[in-house]
Amino acid sequence: MTAAVKGCELCALLAEGGDSGDSVVWSNGRVAVLLVDDKDYPGFCRVVWQDHVKEMTDLSPAERGALMDVVWQVEAVVREVMAPEKINLASLGNMTPHLHWHVIPRYLDDAQFPAPVWANAQRATPTPVLGARAALLPALRAALALRLASPLH
């Protein structure tokens, strides 16, 4: 990773290992996986290219492959541990100079389903249900670290 850029929220987050509850689960110096602190979406992860790059086509084909391999691995682990109805993958980044992918477990009873998580809430997910999902986070963290520790990453 190149040096952190002053004033960049994601650079600061990656350098500190996490803030506001978000935490870095794994990094290989090029790509980092963060567990997002979102009480309504336990298991929400971000896969972040650690250098300032705005568009996928700014990366070499090998770099794109490396980034997307991590996205697929994170998706697989989130599916295994969190058992969602669906996984949403999103790459928006209009305000952040880092390529990053959101990996979001979705459930029929989540607040926005079937709309995107950024839409207006349609219901409240029962607190015990969210608590049960949040209880899976230590297992998710461990499974992500184990899966991504392979020599291919």
C-alpha atoms as a PDB file:
ATOM      1  CA  MET A   1       0.000   0.000   0.000  1.00  0.00           C
ATOM      2  CA  THR A   2       1.179   3.489  -0.735  1.00  0.00           C
ATOM      3  CA  ALA A   3       1.319   6.026   2.050  1.00  0.00           C
ATOM      4  CA  ALA A   4      -1.981   7.109   3.537  1.00  0.00           C
ATOM      5  CA  VAL A   5      -3.359  10.329   2.140  1.00  0.00           C
ATOM      6  CA  LYS A   6      -4.104  12.955   4.778  1.00  0.00           C
ATOM      7  CA  GLY A   7      -7.814  13.644   5.061  1.00  0.00           C
ATOM      8  CA  CYS A   8      -8.863  10.356   3.430  1.00  0.00           C
ATOM      9  CA  GLU A   9     -11.340   8.549   5.671  1.00  0.00           C
ATOM     10  CA  LEU A  10     -10.563   5.092   4.284  1.00  0.00           C
ATOM     11  CA  CYS A  11      -6.786   5.629   4.475  1.00  0.00           C
ATOM     12  CA  ALA A  12      -7.195   6.589   8.149  1.00  0.00           C
ATOM     13  CA  LEU A  13      -9.471   3.630   8.813  1.00  0.00           C
ATOM     14  CA  LEU A  14      -7.046   1.189   7.186  1.00  0.00           C
ATOM     15  CA  ALA A  15      -4.038   2.670   8.991  1.00  0.00           C
ATOM     16  CA  GLU A  16      -5.769   2.487  12.385  1.00  0.00           C
ATOM     17  CA  GLY A  17      -7.284  -0.942  11.848  1.00  0.00           C
ATOM     18  CA  GLY A  18     -10.793   0.399  12.345  1.00  0.00           C
ATOM     19  CA  ASP A  19     -12.861   3.123  13.921  1.00  0.00           C
ATOM     20  CA  SER A  20     -16.444   3.639  14.985  1.00  0.00           C
ATOM     21  CA  GLY A  21     -16.724  -0.121  15.310  1.00  0.00           C
ATOM     22  CA  ASP A  22     -15.675  -0.902  11.723  1.00  0.00           C
ATOM     23  CA  SER A  23     -12.642  -3.147  11.839  1.00  0.00           C
ATOM     24  CA  VAL A  24     -10.048  -4.573   9.503  1.00  0.00           C
ATOM     25  CA  VAL A  25     -10.405  -8.357   9.449  1.00  0.00           C
ATOM     26  CA  TRP A  26      -7.653  -9.074   6.915  1.00  0.00           C
ATOM     27  CA  SER A  27      -5.216  -7.268   4.646  1.00  0.00           C
ATOM     28  CA  ASN A  28      -2.455  -8.302   2.296  1.00  0.00           C
ATOM     29  CA  GLY A  29      -1.153  -4.765   1.686  1.00  0.00           C
ATOM     30  CA  ARG A  30      -3.154  -4.358  -1.543  1.00  0.00           C
ATOM     31  CA  VAL A  31      -6.652  -5.369  -0.476  1.00  0.00           C
ATOM     32  CA  ALA A  32      -8.310  -5.134   2.931  1.00  0.00           C
ATOM     33  CA  VAL A  33     -11.507  -6.668   4.273  1.00  0.00           C
ATOM     34  CA  LEU A  34     -13.464  -4.640   6.803  1.00  0.00           C
ATOM     35  CA  LEU A  35     -16.324  -5.783   8.961  1.00  0.00           C
ATOM     36  CA  VAL A  36     -18.772  -2.882   8.973  1.00  0.00           C
ATOM     37  CA  ASP A  37     -20.365  -1.898  12.271  1.00  0.00           C
ATOM     38  CA  ASP A  38     -24.005  -1.817  11.142  1.00  0.00           C
ATOM     39  CA  LYS A  39     -26.519  -2.907  13.766  1.00  0.00           C
ATOM     40  CA  ASP A  40     -29.186  -3.482  11.102  1.00  0.00           C
ATOM     41  CA  TYR A  41     -26.913  -5.554   8.850  1.00  0.00           C
ATOM     42  CA  PRO A  42     -24.600  -7.764  10.910  1.00  0.00           C
ATOM     43  CA  GLY A  43     -22.113  -9.392   8.562  1.00  0.00           C
ATOM     44  CA  PHE A  44     -21.881  -6.396   6.206  1.00  0.00           C
ATOM     45  CA  CYS A  45     -18.317  -6.317   4.844  1.00  0.00           C
ATOM     46  CA  ARG A  46     -16.319  -4.004   2.619  1.00  0.00           C
ATOM     47  CA  VAL A  47     -13.489  -5.166   0.383  1.00  0.00           C
ATOM     48  CA  VAL A  48     -11.192  -2.184  -0.192  1.00  0.00           C
ATOM     49  CA  TRP A  49      -8.352  -1.657  -2.658  1.00  0.00           C
ATOM     50  CA  GLN A  50      -5.839   0.050  -0.398  1.00  0.00           C
ATOM     51  CA  ASP A  51      -4.322   2.508  -2.896  1.00  0.00           C
ATOM     52  CA  HIS A  52      -6.180   5.509  -4.243  1.00  0.00           C
ATOM     53  CA  VAL A  53      -7.769   4.175  -7.401  1.00  0.00           C
ATOM     54  CA  LYS A  54     -11.170   5.353  -8.616  1.00  0.00           C
ATOM     55  CA  GLU A  55     -12.173   2.907 -11.339  1.00  0.00           C
ATOM     56  CA  MET A  56     -11.796  -0.831 -11.900  1.00  0.00           C
ATOM     57  CA  THR A  57     -10.232  -0.155 -15.304  1.00  0.00           C
ATOM     58  CA  ASP A  58      -7.451   1.832 -13.601  1.00  0.00           C
ATOM     59  CA  LEU A  59      -6.194  -1.504 -12.258  1.00  0.00           C
ATOM     60  CA  SER A  60      -4.240  -3.986 -14.325  1.00  0.00           C
ATOM     61  CA  PRO A  61      -6.095  -7.173 -15.278  1.00  0.00           C
ATOM     62  CA  ALA A  62      -4.113  -9.070 -12.625  1.00  0.00           C
ATOM     63  CA  GLU A  63      -4.998  -6.490  -9.966  1.00  0.00           C
ATOM     64  CA  ARG A  64      -8.688  -6.613 -10.945  1.00  0.00           C
ATOM     65  CA  GLY A  65      -8.557 -10.387 -10.640  1.00  0.00           C
ATOM     66  CA  ALA A  66      -6.908 -10.196  -7.221  1.00  0.00           C
ATOM     67  CA  LEU A  67      -9.505  -7.718  -5.940  1.00  0.00           C
ATOM     68  CA  MET A  68     -12.462  -9.674  -7.254  1.00  0.00           C
ATOM     69  CA  ASP A  69     -11.098 -12.961  -5.907  1.00  0.00           C
ATOM     70  CA  VAL A  70     -11.218 -11.435  -2.437  1.00  0.00           C
ATOM     71  CA  VAL A  71     -14.784 -10.210  -3.081  1.00  0.00           C
ATOM     72  CA  TRP A  72     -15.839 -13.753  -4.086  1.00  0.00           C
ATOM     73  CA  GLN A  73     -14.109 -15.275  -1.047  1.00  0.00           C
ATOM     74  CA  VAL A  74     -15.816 -12.799   1.292  1.00  0.00           C
ATOM     75  CA  GLU A  75     -19.181 -13.493  -0.336  1.00  0.00           C
ATOM     76  CA  ALA A  76     -18.692 -17.245   0.107  1.00  0.00           C
ATOM     77  CA  VAL A  77     -17.778 -16.909   3.790  1.00  0.00           C
ATOM     78  CA  VAL A  78     -20.662 -14.522   4.527  1.00  0.00           C
ATOM     79  CA  ARG A  79     -23.040 -17.000   2.885  1.00  0.00           C
ATOM     80  CA  GLU A  80     -21.632 -19.916   4.888  1.00  0.00           C
ATOM     81  CA  VAL A  81     -21.651 -18.208   8.288  1.00  0.00           C
ATOM     82  CA  MET A  82     -24.559 -15.770   8.115  1.00  0.00           C
ATOM     83  CA  ALA A  83     -26.915 -17.921   5.947  1.00  0.00           C
ATOM     84  CA  PRO A  84     -28.669 -14.967   4.273  1.00  0.00           C
ATOM     85  CA  GLU A  85     -31.495 -15.190   1.769  1.00  0.00           C
ATOM     86  CA  LYS A  86     -29.389 -13.189  -0.704  1.00  0.00           C
ATOM     87  CA  ILE A  87     -26.050 -11.392  -0.950  1.00  0.00           C
ATOM     88  CA  ASN A  88     -25.897  -7.893  -2.400  1.00  0.00           C
ATOM     89  CA  LEU A  89     -22.653  -6.780  -4.011  1.00  0.00           C
ATOM     90  CA  ALA A  90     -22.254  -3.079  -4.681  1.00  0.00           C
ATOM     91  CA  SER A  91     -19.441  -0.837  -5.824  1.00  0.00           C
ATOM     92  CA  LEU A  92     -20.411   2.814  -5.648  1.00  0.00           C
ATOM     93  CA  GLY A  93     -17.637   4.935  -4.204  1.00  0.00           C
ATOM     94  CA  ASN A  94     -18.731   8.327  -5.470  1.00  0.00           C
ATOM     95  CA  MET A  95     -17.178  10.081  -2.472  1.00  0.00           C
ATOM     96  CA  THR A  96     -14.217   7.796  -1.741  1.00  0.00           C
ATOM     97  CA  PRO A  97     -11.021   7.603  -3.817  1.00  0.00           C
ATOM     98  CA  HIS A  98     -10.665   3.879  -3.087  1.00  0.00           C
ATOM     99  CA  LEU A  99     -12.219   1.132  -5.118  1.00  0.00           C
ATOM    100  CA  HIS A 100     -14.320  -0.857  -2.710  1.00  0.00           C
ATOM    101  CA  TRP A 101     -17.060  -3.441  -2.802  1.00  0.00           C
ATOM    102  CA  HIS A 102     -19.876  -3.810  -0.300  1.00  0.00           C
ATOM    103  CA  VAL A 103     -20.797  -7.419   0.520  1.00  0.00           C
ATOM    104  CA  ILE A 104     -24.142  -7.319   2.290  1.00  0.00           C
ATOM    105  CA  PRO A 105     -26.137 -10.258   3.639  1.00  0.00           C
ATOM    106  CA  ARG A 106     -29.851  -9.766   3.004  1.00  0.00           C
ATOM    107  CA  TYR A 107     -32.828 -11.406   4.659  1.00  0.00           C
ATOM    108  CA  LEU A 108     -36.547 -11.412   3.937  1.00  0.00           C
ATOM    109  CA  ASP A 109     -37.120  -9.676   7.279  1.00  0.00           C
ATOM    110  CA  ASP A 110     -34.431  -7.017   7.002  1.00  0.00           C
ATOM    111  CA  ALA A 111     -35.568  -3.416   7.220  1.00  0.00           C
ATOM    112  CA  GLN A 112     -35.317  -2.588   3.513  1.00  0.00           C
ATOM    113  CA  PHE A 113     -35.796  -5.948   1.762  1.00  0.00           C
ATOM    114  CA  PRO A 114     -36.237  -6.247  -1.193  1.00  0.00           C
ATOM    115  CA  ALA A 115     -34.994  -2.687  -1.809  1.00  0.00           C
ATOM    116  CA  PRO A 116     -31.317  -1.731  -1.403  1.00  0.00           C
ATOM    117  CA  VAL A 117     -30.045  -1.254   2.147  1.00  0.00           C
ATOM    118  CA  TRP A 118     -29.779   2.471   1.459  1.00  0.00           C
ATOM    119  CA  ALA A 119     -33.540   2.783   0.745  1.00  0.00           C
ATOM    120  CA  ASN A 120     -36.142   3.828   3.282  1.00  0.00           C
ATOM    121  CA  ALA A 121     -36.969   1.190   5.860  1.00  0.00           C
ATOM    122  CA  GLN A 122     -40.137  -0.794   5.196  1.00  0.00           C
ATOM    123  CA  ARG A 123     -40.218  -2.598   8.551  1.00  0.00           C
ATOM    124  CA  ALA A 124     -38.246  -3.074  11.738  1.00  0.00           C
ATOM    125  CA  THR A 125     -36.270  -6.288  12.030  1.00  0.00           C
ATOM    126  CA  PRO A 126     -37.054  -7.856  15.408  1.00  0.00           C
ATOM    127  CA  THR A 127     -34.325  -7.133  17.978  1.00  0.00           C
ATOM    128  CA  PRO A 128     -33.867 -10.822  18.910  1.00  0.00           C
ATOM    129  CA  VAL A 129     -33.295 -11.670  15.229  1.00  0.00           C
ATOM    130  CA  LEU A 130     -30.644  -8.958  14.895  1.00  0.00           C
ATOM    131  CA  GLY A 131     -29.071 -10.171  18.147  1.00  0.00           C
ATOM    132  CA  ALA A 132     -28.852 -13.730  16.837  1.00  0.00           C
ATOM    133  CA  ARG A 133     -27.185 -12.477  13.648  1.00  0.00           C
ATOM    134  CA  ALA A 134     -24.776 -10.278  15.599  1.00  0.00           C
ATOM    135  CA  ALA A 135     -23.841 -13.309  17.709  1.00  0.00           C
ATOM    136  CA  LEU A 136     -22.433 -14.875  14.516  1.00  0.00           C
ATOM    137  CA  LEU A 137     -19.892 -12.064  14.011  1.00  0.00           C
ATOM    138  CA  PRO A 138     -17.002 -13.687  15.921  1.00  0.00           C
ATOM    139  CA  ALA A 139     -17.439 -16.824  13.792  1.00  0.00           C
ATOM    140  CA  LEU A 140     -17.599 -14.685  10.647  1.00  0.00           C
ATOM    141  CA  ARG A 141     -14.432 -12.822  11.593  1.00  0.00           C
ATOM    142  CA  ALA A 142     -12.589 -16.099  12.256  1.00  0.00           C
ATOM    143  CA  ALA A 143     -13.831 -17.737   9.049  1.00  0.00           C
ATOM    144  CA  LEU A 144     -12.837 -14.718   6.948  1.00  0.00           C
ATOM    145  CA  ALA A 145      -9.355 -14.643   8.462  1.00  0.00           C
ATOM    146  CA  LEU A 146      -8.923 -18.383   7.899  1.00  0.00           C
ATOM    147  CA  ARG A 147     -10.188 -18.355   4.294  1.00  0.00           C
ATOM    148  CA  LEU A 148      -8.145 -15.319   3.301  1.00  0.00           C
ATOM    149  CA  ALA A 149      -4.949 -16.553   4.986  1.00  0.00           C
ATOM    150  CA  SER A 150      -4.360 -19.007   2.135  1.00  0.00           C
ATOM    151  CA  PRO A 151      -1.199 -18.385   0.053  1.00  0.00           C
ATOM    152  CA  LEU A 152      -3.299 -17.275  -2.932  1.00  0.00           C
ATOM    153  CA  HIS A 153      -4.253 -14.075  -1.122  1.00  0.00           C
END
